[in-house]
Amino acid sequence: MATEKLDASSSSSSRFDHTPYYCEENVYFLCKKLSEEGIAKSDGSDLFVVFISNEKKQARKASHRADGVILWDYHVICVQKGKESNLPHLVWDLDSTLPFPSPLATYVAETIRPSFQLFSEFQRVFRIVHAPIFLRCFASDRRHMKDPAGEWVFPPPSSEVIVAEDGTVHNLNEYMEMSSLDVVKSIEADTLDAVLTQKLGVLVNESQLEEVFSQIS
């Protein structure tokens, strides 16, 4: 069980707002609802937002295709720290075909680790941001979803655009910019501190992802 109020067998992604191609906004409102409904801690301190991309802006993800693979420019998920040490960390991914939520270990094995060798430029990088910070600092006016003529590439959510507490209207690009050169060399105490305190969190590679969550207290 994730909490006493909801576990992986009783949850349904249909309970949460979802607009195709707007995964960053989907996760923003997902974090809020998990906290408001008592599924997560009321301050969201057990939730983490994870951006997945790379320098080529092409990240592999599980899909409905026959081979189960698709390349997206980026993707965003929510990871919930296990409530107790004997409970798994959970991944909340509104676009996944896996159970919702899924244990982090299962998600990594099924979605992140490829069954074939990826070229180095397609190796995924993960930006881990503490949800309480993300909810205060993230902003998107959806400009990235308009073509040069100002028309929507994909229909936007019906909700108002997200404005950060400091009045910033758009900073999605800051979260999406990732380079393997900026990935931490190892998971140290200062790495964990940065996850919990820095606006843009930290960048890790796929072999470090589970390690980070195993060490965050």
N, C-alpha and C. Protein backbone atom coordinates (compact mmCIF):
# COMPACT_ATOMS: atom_id res chain seq x y z
N MET A 1 0.83 -1.20 0.00
CA MET A 1 0.00 0.00 0.00
C MET A 1 0.86 1.25 0.00
N ALA A 2 0.42 2.27 -0.74
CA ALA A 2 1.10 3.56 -0.71
C ALA A 2 0.77 4.29 0.59
N THR A 3 -0.51 4.32 0.92
CA THR A 3 -0.97 4.88 2.19
C THR A 3 -2.21 4.09 2.58
N GLU A 4 -2.79 4.42 3.71
CA GLU A 4 -3.99 3.72 4.14
C GLU A 4 -5.17 4.08 3.26
N LYS A 5 -5.11 5.21 2.57
CA LYS A 5 -6.27 5.68 1.80
C LYS A 5 -6.28 5.16 0.36
N LEU A 6 -5.12 4.79 -0.14
CA LEU A 6 -5.07 4.38 -1.54
C LEU A 6 -3.88 3.48 -1.75
N ASP A 7 -4.05 2.40 -2.49
CA ASP A 7 -2.92 1.58 -2.86
C ASP A 7 -2.96 1.34 -4.35
N ALA A 8 -1.96 0.62 -4.86
CA ALA A 8 -1.82 0.44 -6.30
C ALA A 8 -2.98 -0.32 -6.91
N SER A 9 -3.65 -1.15 -6.11
CA SER A 9 -4.73 -1.95 -6.66
C SER A 9 -6.04 -1.19 -6.75
N SER A 10 -6.17 -0.09 -5.98
CA SER A 10 -7.45 0.62 -5.93
C SER A 10 -7.43 1.94 -6.67
N SER A 11 -6.26 2.38 -7.11
CA SER A 11 -6.18 3.68 -7.77
C SER A 11 -6.52 3.56 -9.24
N SER A 12 -6.86 4.67 -9.82
CA SER A 12 -7.19 4.72 -11.25
C SER A 12 -6.71 6.04 -11.81
N SER A 13 -6.01 5.99 -12.94
CA SER A 13 -5.51 7.22 -13.53
C SER A 13 -6.63 8.14 -13.98
N SER A 14 -7.84 7.58 -14.19
CA SER A 14 -8.97 8.39 -14.64
C SER A 14 -9.41 9.39 -13.57
N ARG A 15 -8.97 9.20 -12.33
CA ARG A 15 -9.33 10.11 -11.25
C ARG A 15 -8.55 11.41 -11.33
N PHE A 16 -7.54 11.45 -12.19
CA PHE A 16 -6.65 12.60 -12.24
C PHE A 16 -6.74 13.28 -13.60
N ASP A 17 -6.57 14.62 -13.59
CA ASP A 17 -6.61 15.38 -14.84
C ASP A 17 -5.48 14.94 -15.75
N HIS A 18 -5.79 14.78 -17.03
CA HIS A 18 -4.78 14.37 -17.99
C HIS A 18 -5.08 14.99 -19.34
N THR A 19 -4.11 15.75 -19.85
CA THR A 19 -4.20 16.31 -21.19
C THR A 19 -3.03 15.76 -21.99
N PRO A 20 -3.28 15.03 -23.07
CA PRO A 20 -2.18 14.47 -23.86
C PRO A 20 -1.16 15.53 -24.26
N TYR A 21 0.12 15.17 -24.15
CA TYR A 21 1.26 16.00 -24.57
C TYR A 21 1.59 17.13 -23.60
N TYR A 22 0.87 17.21 -22.48
CA TYR A 22 1.17 18.23 -21.47
C TYR A 22 1.54 17.54 -20.16
N CYS A 23 2.52 16.64 -20.22
CA CYS A 23 2.85 15.82 -19.06
C CYS A 23 3.34 16.64 -17.88
N GLU A 24 4.02 17.77 -18.14
CA GLU A 24 4.51 18.58 -17.03
C GLU A 24 3.35 19.18 -16.24
N GLU A 25 2.30 19.61 -16.92
CA GLU A 25 1.13 20.15 -16.22
C GLU A 25 0.34 19.02 -15.56
N ASN A 26 0.25 17.88 -16.23
CA ASN A 26 -0.44 16.74 -15.63
C ASN A 26 0.18 16.37 -14.30
N VAL A 27 1.51 16.34 -14.24
CA VAL A 27 2.20 15.97 -13.01
C VAL A 27 2.06 17.07 -11.96
N TYR A 28 2.07 18.31 -12.37
CA TYR A 28 1.88 19.44 -11.45
C TYR A 28 0.56 19.26 -10.69
N PHE A 29 -0.53 19.02 -11.42
CA PHE A 29 -1.84 18.88 -10.77
C PHE A 29 -1.98 17.53 -10.08
N LEU A 30 -1.28 16.52 -10.57
CA LEU A 30 -1.27 15.22 -9.90
C LEU A 30 -0.68 15.35 -8.50
N CYS A 31 0.46 16.03 -8.39
CA CYS A 31 1.09 16.23 -7.08
C CYS A 31 0.16 16.96 -6.13
N LYS A 32 -0.51 17.97 -6.63
CA LYS A 32 -1.45 18.72 -5.79
C LYS A 32 -2.58 17.82 -5.29
N LYS A 33 -3.12 17.02 -6.18
CA LYS A 33 -4.27 16.19 -5.79
C LYS A 33 -3.85 15.07 -4.85
N LEU A 34 -2.69 14.47 -5.08
CA LEU A 34 -2.22 13.42 -4.17
C LEU A 34 -2.07 13.98 -2.75
N SER A 35 -1.61 15.22 -2.65
CA SER A 35 -1.44 15.86 -1.34
C SER A 35 -2.78 16.24 -0.73
N GLU A 36 -3.64 16.81 -1.54
CA GLU A 36 -4.94 17.28 -1.05
C GLU A 36 -5.82 16.12 -0.57
N GLU A 37 -5.70 14.96 -1.21
CA GLU A 37 -6.56 13.84 -0.88
C GLU A 37 -5.95 12.91 0.16
N GLY A 38 -4.78 13.26 0.68
CA GLY A 38 -4.18 12.44 1.72
C GLY A 38 -3.48 11.20 1.21
N ILE A 39 -3.34 11.08 -0.10
CA ILE A 39 -2.62 9.95 -0.68
C ILE A 39 -1.12 10.14 -0.44
N ALA A 40 -0.70 11.39 -0.51
CA ALA A 40 0.67 11.78 -0.15
C ALA A 40 0.59 12.68 1.08
N LYS A 41 1.72 13.06 1.61
CA LYS A 41 1.74 13.98 2.74
C LYS A 41 1.12 15.31 2.33
N SER A 42 0.51 16.00 3.27
CA SER A 42 -0.23 17.22 2.95
C SER A 42 0.66 18.30 2.34
N ASP A 43 1.95 18.29 2.69
CA ASP A 43 2.87 19.28 2.13
C ASP A 43 3.60 18.77 0.89
N GLY A 44 3.27 17.54 0.47
CA GLY A 44 3.90 16.97 -0.72
C GLY A 44 5.35 16.60 -0.54
N SER A 45 5.81 16.53 0.71
CA SER A 45 7.23 16.30 0.95
C SER A 45 7.70 14.90 0.59
N ASP A 46 6.78 13.97 0.38
CA ASP A 46 7.18 12.62 -0.04
C ASP A 46 7.07 12.45 -1.55
N LEU A 47 6.84 13.53 -2.27
CA LEU A 47 6.69 13.48 -3.72
C LEU A 47 7.86 14.17 -4.42
N PHE A 48 8.23 13.61 -5.58
CA PHE A 48 9.32 14.15 -6.38
C PHE A 48 8.91 14.14 -7.85
N VAL A 49 9.21 15.22 -8.53
CA VAL A 49 8.92 15.34 -9.96
C VAL A 49 10.19 14.98 -10.72
N VAL A 50 10.05 14.10 -11.70
CA VAL A 50 11.21 13.63 -12.45
C VAL A 50 11.00 13.92 -13.94
N PHE A 51 11.87 14.77 -14.49
CA PHE A 51 11.89 15.04 -15.93
C PHE A 51 12.85 14.06 -16.58
N ILE A 52 12.42 13.48 -17.69
CA ILE A 52 13.24 12.50 -18.41
C ILE A 52 13.49 13.01 -19.82
N SER A 53 14.74 13.19 -20.18
CA SER A 53 15.08 13.64 -21.53
C SER A 53 16.56 13.37 -21.76
N ASN A 54 17.13 14.04 -22.74
CA ASN A 54 18.56 13.96 -23.02
C ASN A 54 18.96 15.10 -23.93
N GLU A 55 20.22 15.12 -24.34
CA GLU A 55 20.71 16.24 -25.14
C GLU A 55 20.03 16.32 -26.51
N LYS A 56 19.57 15.17 -27.01
CA LYS A 56 18.91 15.13 -28.31
C LYS A 56 17.41 15.42 -28.19
N LYS A 57 16.95 15.58 -26.95
CA LYS A 57 15.52 15.76 -26.67
C LYS A 57 14.71 14.60 -27.25
N GLN A 58 15.25 13.40 -27.09
CA GLN A 58 14.55 12.19 -27.52
C GLN A 58 14.76 11.12 -26.46
N ALA A 59 13.71 10.79 -25.74
CA ALA A 59 13.80 9.82 -24.66
C ALA A 59 12.89 8.65 -24.93
N ARG A 60 13.41 7.44 -24.73
CA ARG A 60 12.63 6.23 -24.96
C ARG A 60 11.60 6.06 -23.86
N LYS A 61 10.43 5.59 -24.24
CA LYS A 61 9.38 5.32 -23.27
C LYS A 61 8.52 4.17 -23.77
N ALA A 62 7.94 3.41 -22.84
CA ALA A 62 7.04 2.33 -23.21
C ALA A 62 5.81 2.91 -23.91
N SER A 63 5.26 2.17 -24.86
CA SER A 63 4.11 2.67 -25.61
C SER A 63 3.21 1.52 -26.04
N HIS A 64 2.18 1.85 -26.80
CA HIS A 64 1.26 0.84 -27.32
C HIS A 64 1.74 0.25 -28.63
N ARG A 65 2.89 0.69 -29.13
CA ARG A 65 3.42 0.14 -30.38
C ARG A 65 3.75 -1.33 -30.21
N ALA A 66 3.83 -2.04 -31.34
CA ALA A 66 4.09 -3.47 -31.29
C ALA A 66 5.39 -3.80 -30.57
N ASP A 67 6.40 -2.95 -30.74
CA ASP A 67 7.68 -3.20 -30.08
C ASP A 67 7.77 -2.55 -28.70
N GLY A 68 6.69 -1.85 -28.30
CA GLY A 68 6.65 -1.27 -26.97
C GLY A 68 7.56 -0.08 -26.76
N VAL A 69 8.05 0.53 -27.84
CA VAL A 69 9.02 1.61 -27.71
C VAL A 69 8.55 2.83 -28.50
N ILE A 70 8.79 3.99 -27.91
CA ILE A 70 8.53 5.23 -28.61
C ILE A 70 9.56 6.25 -28.14
N LEU A 71 9.91 7.20 -29.00
CA LEU A 71 10.83 8.26 -28.62
C LEU A 71 10.05 9.55 -28.45
N TRP A 72 10.12 10.14 -27.23
CA TRP A 72 9.50 11.42 -26.95
C TRP A 72 10.60 12.44 -26.71
N ASP A 73 10.29 13.72 -26.91
CA ASP A 73 11.32 14.74 -26.65
C ASP A 73 11.60 14.85 -25.16
N TYR A 74 10.58 14.65 -24.33
CA TYR A 74 10.77 14.60 -22.88
C TYR A 74 9.53 13.99 -22.26
N HIS A 75 9.67 13.58 -21.02
CA HIS A 75 8.53 13.05 -20.29
C HIS A 75 8.68 13.45 -18.82
N VAL A 76 7.57 13.48 -18.09
CA VAL A 76 7.59 13.87 -16.68
C VAL A 76 6.74 12.88 -15.90
N ILE A 77 7.30 12.42 -14.77
CA ILE A 77 6.58 11.51 -13.89
C ILE A 77 6.67 12.01 -12.46
N CYS A 78 5.89 11.40 -11.59
CA CYS A 78 5.96 11.68 -10.16
C CYS A 78 6.41 10.42 -9.45
N VAL A 79 7.36 10.56 -8.54
CA VAL A 79 7.80 9.44 -7.71
C VAL A 79 7.46 9.75 -6.26
N GLN A 80 6.81 8.81 -5.62
CA GLN A 80 6.43 8.96 -4.22
C GLN A 80 7.32 8.08 -3.36
N LYS A 81 7.99 8.71 -2.41
CA LYS A 81 8.84 7.98 -1.48
C LYS A 81 8.00 7.03 -0.65
N GLY A 82 8.47 5.77 -0.47
CA GLY A 82 7.74 4.80 0.32
C GLY A 82 7.46 5.31 1.72
N LYS A 83 6.22 5.14 2.17
CA LYS A 83 5.82 5.66 3.48
C LYS A 83 6.62 5.03 4.60
N GLU A 84 6.89 3.74 4.49
CA GLU A 84 7.71 3.02 5.45
C GLU A 84 8.88 2.40 4.71
N SER A 85 9.91 2.03 5.45
CA SER A 85 11.11 1.48 4.83
C SER A 85 10.84 0.17 4.10
N ASN A 86 9.79 -0.54 4.50
CA ASN A 86 9.48 -1.81 3.87
C ASN A 86 8.49 -1.68 2.72
N LEU A 87 8.09 -0.45 2.40
CA LEU A 87 7.17 -0.22 1.30
C LEU A 87 7.91 0.35 0.10
N PRO A 88 7.50 -0.02 -1.12
CA PRO A 88 8.23 0.45 -2.31
C PRO A 88 7.97 1.92 -2.62
N HIS A 89 8.93 2.54 -3.27
CA HIS A 89 8.69 3.86 -3.84
C HIS A 89 7.79 3.65 -5.05
N LEU A 90 6.87 4.59 -5.27
CA LEU A 90 5.87 4.42 -6.33
C LEU A 90 6.05 5.45 -7.44
N VAL A 91 5.82 5.02 -8.66
CA VAL A 91 5.84 5.92 -9.81
C VAL A 91 4.41 6.16 -10.26
N TRP A 92 4.05 7.43 -10.33
CA TRP A 92 2.75 7.84 -10.85
C TRP A 92 2.99 8.41 -12.26
N ASP A 93 2.61 7.65 -13.27
CA ASP A 93 2.81 8.05 -14.66
C ASP A 93 1.48 7.92 -15.39
N LEU A 94 0.87 9.04 -15.68
CA LEU A 94 -0.46 9.05 -16.30
C LEU A 94 -0.44 8.57 -17.75
N ASP A 95 0.74 8.43 -18.35
CA ASP A 95 0.83 8.00 -19.74
C ASP A 95 1.33 6.58 -19.90
N SER A 96 1.61 5.91 -18.81
CA SER A 96 2.17 4.56 -18.89
C SER A 96 1.06 3.52 -19.01
N THR A 97 1.39 2.38 -19.62
CA THR A 97 0.46 1.25 -19.69
C THR A 97 0.67 0.31 -18.51
N LEU A 98 1.63 0.62 -17.65
CA LEU A 98 1.87 -0.18 -16.45
C LEU A 98 0.81 0.13 -15.40
N PRO A 99 0.69 -0.70 -14.36
CA PRO A 99 -0.27 -0.41 -13.28
C PRO A 99 -0.01 0.98 -12.71
N PHE A 100 -1.07 1.62 -12.24
CA PHE A 100 -0.99 3.00 -11.76
C PHE A 100 -1.40 3.05 -10.30
N PRO A 101 -0.47 3.36 -9.38
CA PRO A 101 0.95 3.57 -9.61
C PRO A 101 1.70 2.25 -9.70
N SER A 102 2.98 2.32 -10.07
CA SER A 102 3.83 1.14 -10.15
C SER A 102 5.02 1.30 -9.21
N PRO A 103 5.49 0.20 -8.63
CA PRO A 103 6.73 0.28 -7.84
C PRO A 103 7.86 0.82 -8.71
N LEU A 104 8.71 1.63 -8.13
CA LEU A 104 9.80 2.24 -8.89
C LEU A 104 10.67 1.18 -9.57
N ALA A 105 10.99 0.11 -8.86
CA ALA A 105 11.84 -0.94 -9.43
C ALA A 105 11.19 -1.55 -10.67
N THR A 106 9.89 -1.77 -10.61
CA THR A 106 9.17 -2.32 -11.76
C THR A 106 9.18 -1.33 -12.92
N TYR A 107 8.93 -0.08 -12.61
CA TYR A 107 8.89 0.95 -13.65
C TYR A 107 10.24 1.07 -14.34
N VAL A 108 11.31 1.07 -13.57
CA VAL A 108 12.65 1.16 -14.14
C VAL A 108 12.93 -0.03 -15.05
N ALA A 109 12.58 -1.21 -14.57
CA ALA A 109 12.84 -2.42 -15.34
C ALA A 109 12.03 -2.48 -16.63
N GLU A 110 10.78 -2.04 -16.58
CA GLU A 110 9.88 -2.17 -17.72
C GLU A 110 9.92 -1.00 -18.69
N THR A 111 10.23 0.17 -18.19
CA THR A 111 10.11 1.37 -19.01
C THR A 111 11.44 2.04 -19.34
N ILE A 112 12.37 2.00 -18.41
CA ILE A 112 13.60 2.78 -18.57
C ILE A 112 14.75 1.97 -19.13
N ARG A 113 14.94 0.77 -18.61
CA ARG A 113 16.07 -0.02 -19.08
C ARG A 113 15.73 -0.67 -20.41
N PRO A 114 16.45 -0.31 -21.49
CA PRO A 114 16.12 -0.82 -22.82
C PRO A 114 16.55 -2.26 -23.02
N SER A 115 15.85 -2.95 -23.91
CA SER A 115 16.23 -4.31 -24.26
C SER A 115 17.23 -4.32 -25.40
N PHE A 116 17.68 -3.14 -25.79
CA PHE A 116 18.68 -3.00 -26.85
C PHE A 116 19.62 -1.86 -26.47
N GLN A 117 20.77 -1.81 -27.11
CA GLN A 117 21.77 -0.80 -26.79
C GLN A 117 21.39 0.54 -27.41
N LEU A 118 21.36 1.59 -26.59
CA LEU A 118 21.08 2.93 -27.09
C LEU A 118 22.38 3.63 -27.44
N PHE A 119 22.35 4.44 -28.51
CA PHE A 119 23.50 5.29 -28.81
C PHE A 119 23.66 6.29 -27.67
N SER A 120 24.87 6.74 -27.44
CA SER A 120 25.16 7.60 -26.29
C SER A 120 24.31 8.85 -26.27
N GLU A 121 24.01 9.43 -27.46
CA GLU A 121 23.24 10.66 -27.48
C GLU A 121 21.78 10.46 -27.08
N PHE A 122 21.33 9.21 -27.04
CA PHE A 122 19.96 8.92 -26.64
C PHE A 122 19.86 8.41 -25.21
N GLN A 123 20.99 8.34 -24.50
CA GLN A 123 20.96 7.90 -23.12
C GLN A 123 20.15 8.90 -22.29
N ARG A 124 19.26 8.39 -21.49
CA ARG A 124 18.37 9.26 -20.72
C ARG A 124 19.07 9.94 -19.55
N VAL A 125 18.64 11.16 -19.30
CA VAL A 125 19.07 11.92 -18.13
C VAL A 125 17.81 12.24 -17.33
N PHE A 126 17.92 12.22 -16.00
CA PHE A 126 16.77 12.40 -15.13
C PHE A 126 16.99 13.61 -14.22
N ARG A 127 16.08 14.56 -14.28
CA ARG A 127 16.14 15.71 -13.38
C ARG A 127 15.14 15.45 -12.25
N ILE A 128 15.64 15.33 -11.03
CA ILE A 128 14.79 15.05 -9.87
C ILE A 128 14.59 16.33 -9.08
N VAL A 129 13.34 16.74 -8.91
CA VAL A 129 12.99 17.98 -8.22
C VAL A 129 11.99 17.66 -7.11
N HIS A 130 12.21 18.19 -5.91
CA HIS A 130 11.27 17.97 -4.82
C HIS A 130 9.95 18.65 -5.15
N ALA A 131 8.86 17.94 -5.02
CA ALA A 131 7.55 18.47 -5.42
C ALA A 131 7.17 19.79 -4.77
N PRO A 132 7.40 19.98 -3.46
CA PRO A 132 7.03 21.27 -2.87
C PRO A 132 7.73 22.45 -3.55
N ILE A 133 8.98 22.26 -3.96
CA ILE A 133 9.70 23.32 -4.66
C ILE A 133 9.14 23.50 -6.06
N PHE A 134 8.88 22.38 -6.73
CA PHE A 134 8.32 22.43 -8.08
C PHE A 134 6.99 23.17 -8.10
N LEU A 135 6.14 22.89 -7.14
CA LEU A 135 4.82 23.52 -7.11
C LEU A 135 4.91 25.03 -6.87
N ARG A 136 5.97 25.47 -6.22
CA ARG A 136 6.15 26.91 -6.00
C ARG A 136 6.83 27.60 -7.19
N CYS A 137 7.73 26.90 -7.84
CA CYS A 137 8.62 27.55 -8.81
C CYS A 137 8.29 27.30 -10.28
N PHE A 138 7.58 26.22 -10.59
CA PHE A 138 7.33 25.89 -12.00
C PHE A 138 6.32 26.85 -12.62
N ALA A 139 6.55 27.17 -13.90
CA ALA A 139 5.63 28.03 -14.64
C ALA A 139 5.61 27.62 -16.11
N SER A 140 4.44 27.70 -16.72
CA SER A 140 4.33 27.41 -18.14
C SER A 140 3.17 28.18 -18.75
N ASP A 141 3.48 28.97 -19.76
CA ASP A 141 2.41 29.64 -20.50
C ASP A 141 2.10 28.90 -21.80
N ARG A 142 2.70 27.69 -21.94
CA ARG A 142 2.42 26.77 -23.05
C ARG A 142 2.95 27.26 -24.39
N ARG A 143 3.90 28.17 -24.38
CA ARG A 143 4.43 28.69 -25.64
C ARG A 143 5.09 27.60 -26.48
N HIS A 144 5.60 26.57 -25.81
CA HIS A 144 6.28 25.49 -26.52
C HIS A 144 5.32 24.64 -27.34
N MET A 145 4.01 24.84 -27.13
CA MET A 145 3.01 24.07 -27.85
C MET A 145 2.34 24.88 -28.97
N LYS A 146 2.97 25.98 -29.36
CA LYS A 146 2.45 26.77 -30.47
C LYS A 146 3.42 26.74 -31.64
N ASP A 147 2.88 26.72 -32.85
CA ASP A 147 3.72 26.74 -34.04
C ASP A 147 4.12 28.18 -34.36
N PRO A 148 4.95 28.40 -35.38
CA PRO A 148 5.40 29.76 -35.70
C PRO A 148 4.26 30.74 -35.98
N ALA A 149 3.12 30.22 -36.39
CA ALA A 149 1.98 31.08 -36.67
C ALA A 149 1.14 31.36 -35.42
N GLY A 150 1.55 30.77 -34.30
CA GLY A 150 0.81 31.00 -33.05
C GLY A 150 -0.35 30.06 -32.84
N GLU A 151 -0.45 29.03 -33.67
CA GLU A 151 -1.54 28.05 -33.53
C GLU A 151 -1.09 26.90 -32.63
N TRP A 152 -2.06 26.31 -31.93
CA TRP A 152 -1.73 25.20 -31.05
C TRP A 152 -1.32 23.97 -31.85
N VAL A 153 -0.21 23.38 -31.46
CA VAL A 153 0.21 22.11 -32.06
C VAL A 153 -0.66 20.98 -31.52
N PHE A 154 -0.95 21.04 -30.22
CA PHE A 154 -1.89 20.12 -29.57
C PHE A 154 -2.80 20.94 -28.68
N PRO A 155 -4.09 20.59 -28.59
CA PRO A 155 -5.03 21.36 -27.77
C PRO A 155 -4.55 21.46 -26.32
N PRO A 156 -4.61 22.65 -25.72
CA PRO A 156 -4.12 22.85 -24.36
C PRO A 156 -5.13 22.39 -23.31
N PRO A 157 -4.69 22.23 -22.07
CA PRO A 157 -5.63 21.92 -20.98
C PRO A 157 -6.64 23.06 -20.81
N SER A 158 -7.77 22.74 -20.21
CA SER A 158 -8.80 23.76 -19.97
C SER A 158 -8.45 24.64 -18.77
N SER A 159 -7.52 24.20 -17.95
CA SER A 159 -7.13 24.98 -16.77
C SER A 159 -6.32 26.20 -17.17
N GLU A 160 -6.24 27.16 -16.25
CA GLU A 160 -5.43 28.35 -16.48
C GLU A 160 -3.95 27.97 -16.55
N VAL A 161 -3.16 28.79 -17.23
CA VAL A 161 -1.73 28.54 -17.29
C VAL A 161 -1.14 28.60 -15.88
N ILE A 162 -0.01 27.94 -15.70
CA ILE A 162 0.62 27.87 -14.38
C ILE A 162 1.63 29.00 -14.23
N VAL A 163 1.47 29.81 -13.21
CA VAL A 163 2.38 30.92 -12.91
C VAL A 163 3.07 30.63 -11.58
N ALA A 164 4.39 30.80 -11.53
CA ALA A 164 5.15 30.54 -10.32
C ALA A 164 4.82 31.56 -9.24
N GLU A 165 5.15 31.23 -8.00
CA GLU A 165 4.86 32.14 -6.88
C GLU A 165 5.53 33.49 -7.04
N ASP A 166 6.69 33.53 -7.70
CA ASP A 166 7.40 34.80 -7.86
C ASP A 166 6.95 35.57 -9.09
N GLY A 167 5.91 35.07 -9.77
CA GLY A 167 5.38 35.76 -10.93
C GLY A 167 5.94 35.32 -12.26
N THR A 168 6.91 34.41 -12.26
CA THR A 168 7.46 33.88 -13.51
C THR A 168 6.35 33.21 -14.30
N VAL A 169 6.30 33.47 -15.63
CA VAL A 169 5.22 32.92 -16.44
C VAL A 169 5.65 31.72 -17.27
N HIS A 170 6.96 31.53 -17.46
CA HIS A 170 7.39 30.36 -18.23
C HIS A 170 8.84 30.02 -17.92
N ASN A 171 9.07 28.81 -17.44
CA ASN A 171 10.44 28.34 -17.23
C ASN A 171 10.59 26.85 -17.51
N LEU A 172 9.65 26.29 -18.25
CA LEU A 172 9.71 24.86 -18.59
C LEU A 172 11.04 24.51 -19.24
N ASN A 173 11.56 25.40 -20.08
CA ASN A 173 12.82 25.14 -20.77
C ASN A 173 13.96 24.88 -19.79
N GLU A 174 13.92 25.52 -18.63
CA GLU A 174 14.99 25.32 -17.65
C GLU A 174 14.98 23.88 -17.12
N TYR A 175 13.81 23.32 -16.95
CA TYR A 175 13.71 21.95 -16.47
C TYR A 175 14.07 20.94 -17.56
N MET A 176 13.82 21.29 -18.79
CA MET A 176 14.04 20.37 -19.90
C MET A 176 15.49 20.33 -20.38
N GLU A 177 16.24 21.40 -20.11
CA GLU A 177 17.63 21.43 -20.57
C GLU A 177 18.48 20.45 -19.76
N MET A 178 19.01 19.44 -20.44
CA MET A 178 19.79 18.42 -19.75
C MET A 178 21.01 18.04 -20.57
N SER A 179 22.09 17.82 -19.87
CA SER A 179 23.32 17.36 -20.52
C SER A 179 23.95 16.29 -19.65
N SER A 180 24.45 15.25 -20.28
CA SER A 180 25.11 14.17 -19.53
C SER A 180 26.32 14.71 -18.78
N LEU A 181 26.87 15.83 -19.25
CA LEU A 181 28.04 16.43 -18.58
C LEU A 181 27.69 16.97 -17.20
N ASP A 182 26.40 17.26 -16.98
CA ASP A 182 25.97 17.82 -15.70
C ASP A 182 25.44 16.77 -14.73
N VAL A 183 25.44 15.51 -15.15
CA VAL A 183 24.99 14.44 -14.26
C VAL A 183 25.98 14.30 -13.10
N VAL A 184 25.45 14.13 -11.90
CA VAL A 184 26.33 14.00 -10.73
C VAL A 184 27.21 12.76 -10.88
N LYS A 185 28.43 12.86 -10.38
CA LYS A 185 29.37 11.75 -10.49
C LYS A 185 29.00 10.60 -9.57
N SER A 186 28.51 10.93 -8.40
CA SER A 186 28.09 9.93 -7.44
C SER A 186 27.04 10.53 -6.53
N ILE A 187 26.30 9.68 -5.85
CA ILE A 187 25.24 10.14 -4.96
C ILE A 187 25.83 10.37 -3.57
N GLU A 188 26.05 11.63 -3.25
CA GLU A 188 26.64 12.00 -1.97
C GLU A 188 25.61 12.79 -1.16
N ALA A 189 26.01 13.18 0.05
CA ALA A 189 25.10 13.94 0.92
C ALA A 189 24.69 15.26 0.28
N ASP A 190 25.62 15.92 -0.41
CA ASP A 190 25.27 17.19 -1.04
C ASP A 190 24.32 17.01 -2.21
N THR A 191 24.38 15.83 -2.83
CA THR A 191 23.43 15.51 -3.92
C THR A 191 22.01 15.45 -3.36
N LEU A 192 21.85 14.74 -2.28
CA LEU A 192 20.54 14.60 -1.66
C LEU A 192 20.03 15.93 -1.15
N ASP A 193 20.92 16.75 -0.62
CA ASP A 193 20.54 18.08 -0.15
C ASP A 193 20.05 18.93 -1.32
N ALA A 194 20.72 18.82 -2.47
CA ALA A 194 20.32 19.60 -3.64
C ALA A 194 18.95 19.18 -4.15
N VAL A 195 18.66 17.89 -4.09
CA VAL A 195 17.33 17.40 -4.50
C VAL A 195 16.25 18.07 -3.67
N LEU A 196 16.51 18.23 -2.39
CA LEU A 196 15.50 18.74 -1.46
C LEU A 196 15.45 20.26 -1.37
N THR A 197 16.45 20.95 -1.93
CA THR A 197 16.51 22.40 -1.73
C THR A 197 16.63 23.24 -3.00
N GLN A 198 17.08 22.65 -4.10
CA GLN A 198 17.35 23.43 -5.30
C GLN A 198 16.16 23.47 -6.24
N LYS A 199 15.91 24.63 -6.82
CA LYS A 199 14.79 24.81 -7.75
C LYS A 199 14.78 23.78 -8.86
N LEU A 200 15.96 23.51 -9.44
CA LEU A 200 16.04 22.56 -10.55
C LEU A 200 16.56 21.20 -10.13
N GLY A 201 16.65 20.96 -8.83
CA GLY A 201 17.04 19.65 -8.34
C GLY A 201 18.41 19.22 -8.81
N VAL A 202 18.54 17.95 -9.18
CA VAL A 202 19.81 17.41 -9.66
C VAL A 202 19.57 16.54 -10.88
N LEU A 203 20.64 16.34 -11.65
CA LEU A 203 20.60 15.45 -12.82
C LEU A 203 21.32 14.16 -12.48
N VAL A 204 20.66 13.03 -12.77
CA VAL A 204 21.27 11.72 -12.56
C VAL A 204 21.07 10.88 -13.81
N ASN A 205 21.82 9.78 -13.90
CA ASN A 205 21.62 8.86 -15.02
C ASN A 205 20.73 7.71 -14.56
N GLU A 206 20.40 6.81 -15.47
CA GLU A 206 19.43 5.76 -15.14
C GLU A 206 19.95 4.79 -14.08
N SER A 207 21.25 4.60 -14.00
CA SER A 207 21.79 3.69 -12.99
C SER A 207 21.77 4.31 -11.60
N GLN A 208 21.59 5.65 -11.51
CA GLN A 208 21.58 6.33 -10.22
C GLN A 208 20.18 6.62 -9.70
N LEU A 209 19.18 6.46 -10.55
CA LEU A 209 17.83 6.89 -10.21
C LEU A 209 17.31 6.21 -8.94
N GLU A 210 17.34 4.90 -8.90
CA GLU A 210 16.85 4.19 -7.72
C GLU A 210 17.72 4.46 -6.50
N GLU A 211 19.00 4.65 -6.71
CA GLU A 211 19.91 4.92 -5.60
C GLU A 211 19.53 6.20 -4.88
N VAL A 212 19.17 7.24 -5.63
CA VAL A 212 18.78 8.50 -5.02
C VAL A 212 17.63 8.29 -4.05
N PHE A 213 16.59 7.61 -4.52
CA PHE A 213 15.41 7.44 -3.67
C PHE A 213 15.65 6.49 -2.50
N SER A 214 16.59 5.59 -2.65
CA SER A 214 16.91 4.70 -1.55
C SER A 214 17.64 5.43 -0.44
N GLN A 215 18.27 6.57 -0.76
CA GLN A 215 19.06 7.30 0.23
C GLN A 215 18.36 8.53 0.81
N ILE A 216 17.31 9.01 0.14
CA ILE A 216 16.60 10.17 0.67
C ILE A 216 15.82 9.75 1.92
N SER A 217 16.03 10.46 3.00
CA SER A 217 15.35 10.09 4.24
C SER A 217 13.97 10.73 4.33
